[in-house]
Protein backbone atom coordinates (compact mmCIF):
# COMPACT_ATOMS: atom_id res chain seq x y z
CA MET A 1 0.00 0.00 0.00
CA LYS A 2 1.54 3.26 -1.12
CA ASP A 3 0.83 6.54 0.62
CA ASN A 4 1.92 10.14 0.21
CA LEU A 5 3.11 10.62 3.79
CA PRO A 6 6.59 12.07 4.19
CA ARG A 7 9.24 9.88 5.80
CA TYR A 8 11.44 10.97 8.69
CA THR A 9 14.26 8.98 10.27
CA LEU A 10 14.37 9.27 14.04
CA ARG A 11 17.57 8.48 15.93
CA ILE A 12 16.74 7.52 19.50
CA PRO A 13 18.50 5.55 22.26
CA GLN A 14 17.44 1.87 22.32
CA LEU A 15 16.21 2.03 25.92
CA LEU A 16 13.88 4.91 25.10
CA LEU A 17 12.64 3.13 21.97
CA ASP A 18 11.95 -0.02 24.00
CA LYS A 19 9.97 1.97 26.58
CA LEU A 20 8.04 3.72 23.81
CA GLY A 21 7.25 0.31 22.33
CA PHE A 22 5.91 -0.87 25.69
CA ILE A 23 3.65 2.19 25.99
CA ALA A 24 2.48 1.90 22.38
CA GLU A 25 1.58 -1.77 22.83
CA TYR A 26 -0.24 -0.99 26.08
CA GLU A 27 -2.27 1.69 24.27
CA GLY A 28 -2.95 -0.60 21.29
CA ARG A 29 -0.89 1.46 18.85
CA THR A 30 2.20 1.06 16.76
CA LYS A 31 5.30 2.97 17.85
CA ASN A 32 4.79 5.24 14.86
CA LYS A 33 1.21 6.09 15.86
CA GLU A 34 2.29 6.64 19.48
CA ILE A 35 4.94 9.13 18.32
CA GLU A 36 2.34 10.81 16.11
CA GLN A 37 -0.02 11.19 19.09
CA LEU A 38 2.76 12.69 21.21
CA ILE A 39 3.65 15.18 18.47
CA LYS A 40 0.01 16.17 17.97
CA ARG A 41 -0.38 16.73 21.72
CA ARG A 42 2.72 18.94 21.81
CA VAL A 43 1.60 20.97 18.78
CA ASP A 44 -1.82 21.50 20.39
CA GLU A 45 -0.17 22.68 23.62
CA PHE A 46 2.10 25.08 21.72
CA GLU A 47 -0.75 26.49 19.63
CA GLU A 48 -2.90 26.97 22.72
CA ILE A 49 -0.24 29.28 24.14
CA HIS A 50 1.15 30.92 20.99
CA GLY A 51 -1.69 30.70 18.46
CA LYS A 52 -2.13 28.62 15.32
CA ILE A 53 1.03 27.75 13.43
CA LYS A 54 0.84 28.79 9.78
CA THR A 55 2.61 26.47 7.37
CA GLY A 56 3.20 26.56 3.65
CA GLY A 57 1.22 23.33 3.17
CA SER A 58 -2.48 22.69 3.29
CA GLU A 59 -4.06 23.23 6.70
CA THR A 60 -5.72 20.07 8.01
CA ASP A 61 -6.55 18.98 11.53
CA ASP A 62 -5.46 15.35 11.13
C-alpha cells in the first residue's frame, strides 16, 4: 500500500525506543502512531499558548 506521507528517520536511544514500544503496545498502537499522538499533543499545547502555526502546506486537523 503506497501513501503520500513524508518519511522521517528518528535516531533515539534503544532504551527509550523499548519503553516507547511498551507504551504503544499498552495503548494498542504502533510505535509510529504513538509518536504521532505525542507530536500532535505537543503541537496542540504550543498552539494553545502561541496561536495557530501557519505552514506553507495545506491546513488540516489530522
